[in-house]
Amino acid sequence: MYNKPVSVRGSADRRGDMRHFIKAGTPDCFACRFRASCFFNRLKPESREYWNGARLSAAFSGDQSVYSEGEKPRGIFAVCRGRVKIFTTDSRGQQMINWIRHPGEIFGHIAFFSGKNYLCGAHTMGQTVLSFINAETLEKFMAAAPETGPLLLGIITNELMAAQLKLKDTAYKPARARVAMTLLRAISYKSKDTAAPAIYGLKRCEIAKISGLALETVVRTLAELEKRKLIKREVKAIRILDHAALARIAGLPPAA
């Protein structure tokens, strides 16, 4: 069960301002349905208590700025509910989405530990609840929970490897494989283990920004996948009809 965190409205007036994150109503990690995929669940029992009590939280509506490129990091974030896109923008205002952070995932940590300003911006995708731990609290937590360092190092290393694979895919994989991979990675948490997994709230332009393809190419590829009855486009979702076939197109190994 989620308590109701403070609601955040607007974006420009709170860039770099963490005062909107408060303790009251912070979601309970122990009762969270996403805890199995969360950093929290990999901590020792005593460290979980500390983490659960150290966080602040805030609720966001859709497409609100969490932080912007060039800002100084003041801590790290965790997604409790909803999604956050991490993106870069070129001189013409075109976006490339580098990551989509799902419930249970942390973000902002790479810039924070680098000691440099953010190279990316972060915007919410739909109704979202975030937790935040500021620099001072995080330092105390890491001192009290020494297993945190190796865990965070492992997360950062895996993300760097994933970024390398994405660059490889962009260079060598055809458009159809890149679209298929984007869809598979965006399957909603609640439907990923069902007979009809689905993607919610992911626009065609966002698929283009994630896959590094032109919008026209994405539109044509989605139409092709639908014609082959691998997916079905609905008003607010894309339903995956043949997960195994889509995985083969994406170049993923067969499920064990």
Protein backbone atom coordinates (compact mmCIF):
# COMPACT_ATOMS: atom_id res chain seq x y z
CA MET A 1 0.00 0.00 0.00
CA TYR A 2 1.17 3.50 -0.84
CA ASN A 3 0.57 6.45 1.41
CA LYS A 4 -0.02 9.64 -0.51
CA PRO A 5 3.22 11.63 -0.87
CA VAL A 6 3.26 15.35 -1.47
CA SER A 7 1.99 16.33 -4.93
CA VAL A 8 4.35 18.28 -7.15
CA ARG A 9 2.99 20.71 -9.74
CA GLY A 10 4.88 22.57 -12.39
CA SER A 11 8.48 22.02 -13.37
CA ALA A 12 10.45 25.19 -13.99
CA ASP A 13 10.06 26.42 -10.41
CA ARG A 14 11.54 23.29 -8.86
CA ARG A 15 14.52 22.47 -11.05
CA GLY A 16 17.37 21.64 -8.71
CA ASP A 17 15.02 22.19 -5.73
CA MET A 18 14.62 19.10 -3.56
CA ARG A 19 12.40 20.82 -0.99
CA HIS A 20 9.34 19.22 -2.60
CA PHE A 21 10.58 15.84 -1.40
CA ILE A 22 9.31 15.32 2.14
CA LYS A 23 9.20 12.52 4.71
CA ALA A 24 5.44 12.47 5.27
CA GLY A 25 3.71 9.73 3.27
CA THR A 26 6.89 8.12 1.94
CA PRO A 27 6.01 4.67 0.48
CA ASP A 28 6.94 1.71 2.66
CA CYS A 29 9.58 -0.42 0.93
CA PHE A 30 8.58 -3.49 2.93
CA ALA A 31 5.02 -3.35 1.54
CA CYS A 32 5.99 -2.44 -2.03
CA ARG A 33 4.94 -4.85 -4.79
CA PHE A 34 8.04 -3.89 -6.77
CA ARG A 35 10.51 -4.72 -4.00
CA ALA A 36 11.71 -7.94 -5.70
CA SER A 37 13.31 -5.86 -8.48
CA CYS A 38 14.51 -3.06 -6.20
CA PHE A 39 17.94 -2.16 -4.86
CA PHE A 40 16.32 -2.28 -1.42
CA ASN A 41 15.74 -6.03 -1.66
CA ARG A 42 19.46 -6.74 -2.11
CA LEU A 43 20.42 -5.06 1.15
CA LYS A 44 20.96 -6.81 4.46
CA PRO A 45 17.92 -6.77 6.80
CA GLU A 46 19.32 -4.03 9.07
CA SER A 47 20.29 -1.94 6.05
CA ARG A 48 16.76 -2.25 4.66
CA GLU A 49 15.40 -0.63 7.81
CA TYR A 50 17.86 2.24 7.42
CA TRP A 51 17.08 2.72 3.70
CA ASN A 52 13.34 2.60 4.30
CA GLY A 53 13.57 5.28 6.96
CA ALA A 54 16.08 7.53 5.21
CA ARG A 55 14.12 8.34 2.04
CA LEU A 56 12.02 11.38 1.17
CA SER A 57 9.32 11.22 -1.53
CA ALA A 58 7.23 13.26 -3.94
CA ALA A 59 4.43 12.55 -6.42
CA PHE A 60 4.65 13.84 -10.00
CA SER A 61 2.20 14.06 -12.87
CA GLY A 62 3.17 13.18 -16.43
CA ASP A 63 6.07 14.80 -18.31
CA GLN A 64 7.43 16.79 -15.38
CA SER A 65 11.10 17.60 -14.98
CA VAL A 66 12.94 15.87 -12.15
CA TYR A 67 16.26 17.45 -13.10
CA SER A 68 17.80 19.03 -16.19
CA GLU A 69 21.06 18.71 -18.11
CA GLY A 70 23.80 20.79 -16.49
CA GLU A 71 22.35 20.73 -12.97
CA LYS A 72 24.45 19.67 -9.99
CA PRO A 73 23.36 16.33 -8.47
CA ARG A 74 22.25 16.54 -4.85
CA GLY A 75 21.55 12.86 -4.24
CA ILE A 76 20.04 9.82 -5.92
CA PHE A 77 16.48 8.87 -6.84
CA ALA A 78 14.44 5.68 -6.88
CA VAL A 79 11.23 5.03 -8.81
CA CYS A 80 8.50 3.79 -6.48
CA ARG A 81 5.68 3.95 -9.00
CA GLY A 82 5.44 5.05 -12.65
CA ARG A 83 8.37 5.62 -14.98
CA VAL A 84 11.08 8.19 -15.68
CA LYS A 85 12.83 8.78 -18.99
CA ILE A 86 16.50 9.80 -18.98
CA PHE A 87 17.34 11.71 -22.16
CA THR A 88 19.76 14.04 -23.91
CA THR A 89 18.86 16.91 -26.21
CA ASP A 90 20.88 18.18 -29.18
CA SER A 91 21.25 21.77 -30.41
CA ARG A 92 18.09 21.42 -32.52
CA GLY A 93 16.01 20.29 -29.57
CA GLN A 94 15.81 16.66 -30.68
CA GLN A 95 15.76 14.10 -27.89
CA MET A 96 17.43 10.73 -27.54
CA ILE A 97 16.12 8.58 -24.69
CA ASN A 98 19.02 6.76 -23.05
CA TRP A 99 17.08 4.93 -20.35
CA ILE A 100 13.57 4.43 -19.06
CA ARG A 101 13.64 3.86 -15.31
CA HIS A 102 10.94 1.52 -13.99
CA PRO A 103 9.67 0.87 -10.45
CA GLY A 104 12.43 -0.44 -8.22
CA GLU A 105 15.23 1.20 -10.22
CA ILE A 106 17.51 4.01 -9.08
CA PHE A 107 18.68 6.89 -11.26
CA GLY A 108 20.84 9.99 -11.06
CA HIS A 109 23.53 7.88 -9.39
CA ILE A 110 26.08 7.94 -12.23
CA ALA A 111 26.31 11.74 -12.29
CA PHE A 112 26.21 11.91 -8.50
CA PHE A 113 29.16 9.56 -7.98
CA SER A 114 31.10 11.16 -10.84
CA GLY A 115 31.03 14.49 -9.00
CA LYS A 116 29.99 16.23 -12.21
CA ASN A 117 26.80 17.87 -13.44
CA TYR A 118 24.04 15.87 -15.11
CA LEU A 119 24.70 15.08 -18.78
CA CYS A 120 21.04 14.07 -19.18
CA GLY A 121 17.63 15.35 -18.18
CA ALA A 122 14.98 13.30 -16.37
CA HIS A 123 11.22 13.60 -16.97
CA THR A 124 8.36 11.54 -15.57
CA MET A 125 6.16 9.45 -17.85
CA GLY A 126 2.66 9.53 -16.41
CA GLN A 127 1.74 9.59 -12.73
CA THR A 128 4.94 8.83 -10.84
CA VAL A 129 6.12 8.54 -7.24
CA LEU A 130 9.83 9.03 -6.56
CA SER A 131 12.02 8.59 -3.53
CA PHE A 132 15.10 10.72 -2.94
CA ILE A 133 18.13 10.39 -0.68
CA ASN A 134 20.32 13.47 -0.38
CA ALA A 135 24.11 13.44 -0.36
CA GLU A 136 24.56 13.74 3.41
CA THR A 137 22.09 10.97 4.20
CA LEU A 138 23.53 8.73 1.50
CA GLU A 139 27.05 9.16 2.89
CA LYS A 140 25.86 8.12 6.34
CA PHE A 141 23.90 5.20 4.90
CA MET A 142 26.89 3.88 2.95
CA ALA A 143 29.05 4.11 6.06
CA ALA A 144 26.47 2.17 8.06
CA ALA A 145 25.82 -0.36 5.29
CA PRO A 146 29.20 -1.29 3.73
CA GLU A 147 27.57 -3.73 1.29
CA THR A 148 26.06 -0.73 -0.50
CA GLY A 149 29.29 0.18 -2.31
CA PRO A 150 29.72 -3.14 -4.16
CA LEU A 151 25.99 -3.23 -4.96
CA LEU A 152 26.08 0.25 -6.49
CA LEU A 153 29.29 -0.56 -8.34
CA GLY A 154 27.59 -3.62 -9.80
CA ILE A 155 24.58 -1.57 -10.92
CA ILE A 156 26.79 1.05 -12.59
CA THR A 157 28.92 -1.60 -14.29
CA ASN A 158 25.88 -3.41 -15.68
CA GLU A 159 24.48 -0.14 -16.98
CA LEU A 160 27.75 0.70 -18.72
CA MET A 161 27.71 -2.74 -20.35
CA ALA A 162 24.09 -2.22 -21.41
CA ALA A 163 25.06 1.15 -22.92
CA GLN A 164 27.83 -0.55 -24.91
CA LEU A 165 25.38 -3.16 -26.19
CA LYS A 166 22.96 -0.41 -27.19
CA LEU A 167 25.70 1.30 -29.21
CA LYS A 168 26.47 -2.03 -30.86
CA ASP A 169 22.78 -2.57 -31.68
CA THR A 170 22.52 0.94 -33.12
CA ALA A 171 25.52 0.30 -35.35
CA TYR A 172 24.71 -3.22 -36.53
CA LYS A 173 21.09 -4.24 -35.91
CA PRO A 174 18.36 -3.55 -38.49
CA ALA A 175 15.45 -1.27 -37.66
CA ARG A 176 13.04 -4.14 -37.05
CA ALA A 177 15.32 -5.68 -34.41
CA ARG A 178 15.79 -2.34 -32.64
CA VAL A 179 12.05 -1.68 -32.49
CA ALA A 180 11.40 -5.24 -31.24
CA MET A 181 14.01 -4.82 -28.50
CA THR A 182 12.53 -1.48 -27.43
CA LEU A 183 9.07 -3.02 -27.13
CA LEU A 184 10.32 -5.99 -25.11
CA ARG A 185 12.19 -3.74 -22.69
CA ALA A 186 9.10 -1.58 -22.18
CA ILE A 187 6.67 -4.33 -21.16
CA SER A 188 4.75 -3.24 -18.09
CA TYR A 189 5.64 -4.78 -14.75
CA LYS A 190 2.14 -6.07 -14.05
CA SER A 191 1.78 -7.81 -17.42
CA LYS A 192 5.29 -9.12 -18.12
CA ASP A 193 4.61 -12.64 -16.84
CA THR A 194 1.12 -12.97 -18.31
CA ALA A 195 -0.05 -14.61 -21.53
CA ALA A 196 -0.65 -11.19 -23.11
CA PRO A 197 2.17 -8.80 -22.09
CA ALA A 198 1.63 -5.17 -23.02
CA ILE A 199 3.36 -1.80 -23.26
CA TYR A 200 1.46 1.18 -21.84
CA GLY A 201 2.04 4.89 -22.38
CA LEU A 202 4.93 4.54 -24.84
CA LYS A 203 4.45 6.83 -27.83
CA ARG A 204 5.77 6.15 -31.31
CA CYS A 205 8.02 9.18 -31.07
CA GLU A 206 9.47 7.80 -27.82
CA ILE A 207 10.16 4.44 -29.47
CA ALA A 208 12.04 6.41 -32.13
CA LYS A 209 14.03 8.31 -29.50
CA ILE A 210 14.96 5.11 -27.67
CA SER A 211 15.88 3.09 -30.75
CA GLY A 212 17.65 5.94 -32.57
CA LEU A 213 15.40 5.59 -35.61
CA ALA A 214 13.37 8.05 -37.64
CA LEU A 215 9.71 8.28 -36.66
CA GLU A 216 8.67 7.20 -40.16
CA THR A 217 10.77 4.05 -39.82
CA VAL A 218 9.17 3.22 -36.46
CA VAL A 219 5.65 3.73 -37.83
CA ARG A 220 6.40 1.47 -40.81
CA THR A 221 8.01 -1.20 -38.61
CA LEU A 222 5.11 -1.27 -36.13
CA ALA A 223 2.68 -1.67 -39.03
CA GLU A 224 4.75 -4.58 -40.34
CA LEU A 225 4.85 -6.29 -36.94
CA GLU A 226 1.11 -5.86 -36.57
CA LYS A 227 0.48 -7.26 -40.06
CA ARG A 228 2.48 -10.33 -39.07
CA LYS A 229 0.27 -10.62 -35.95
CA LEU A 230 3.19 -10.24 -33.57
CA ILE A 231 1.69 -7.16 -31.90
CA LYS A 232 -1.67 -5.42 -31.72
CA ARG A 233 -1.89 -1.66 -31.36
CA GLU A 234 -4.65 -0.44 -29.06
CA VAL A 235 -5.75 3.04 -28.01
CA LYS A 236 -3.47 3.24 -24.96
CA ALA A 237 -1.28 0.18 -25.32
CA ILE A 238 0.64 -2.13 -27.61
CA ARG A 239 -0.24 -5.77 -26.96
CA ILE A 240 2.39 -8.42 -27.68
CA LEU A 241 0.76 -11.42 -29.33
CA ASP A 242 3.87 -13.52 -29.98
CA HIS A 243 6.60 -12.82 -27.46
CA ALA A 244 8.89 -15.61 -28.68
CA ALA A 245 8.81 -14.40 -32.29
CA LEU A 246 9.44 -10.81 -31.23
CA ALA A 247 12.39 -11.97 -29.11
CA ARG A 248 13.86 -13.78 -32.13
CA ILE A 249 13.59 -10.62 -34.21
CA ALA A 250 15.31 -8.67 -31.41
CA GLY A 251 18.15 -11.19 -31.46
CA LEU A 252 17.58 -12.47 -27.92
CA PRO A 253 18.49 -16.05 -27.01
CA PRO A 254 15.59 -18.52 -26.64
CA ALA A 255 13.99 -18.67 -23.21
CA ALA A 256 15.24 -21.54 -21.08
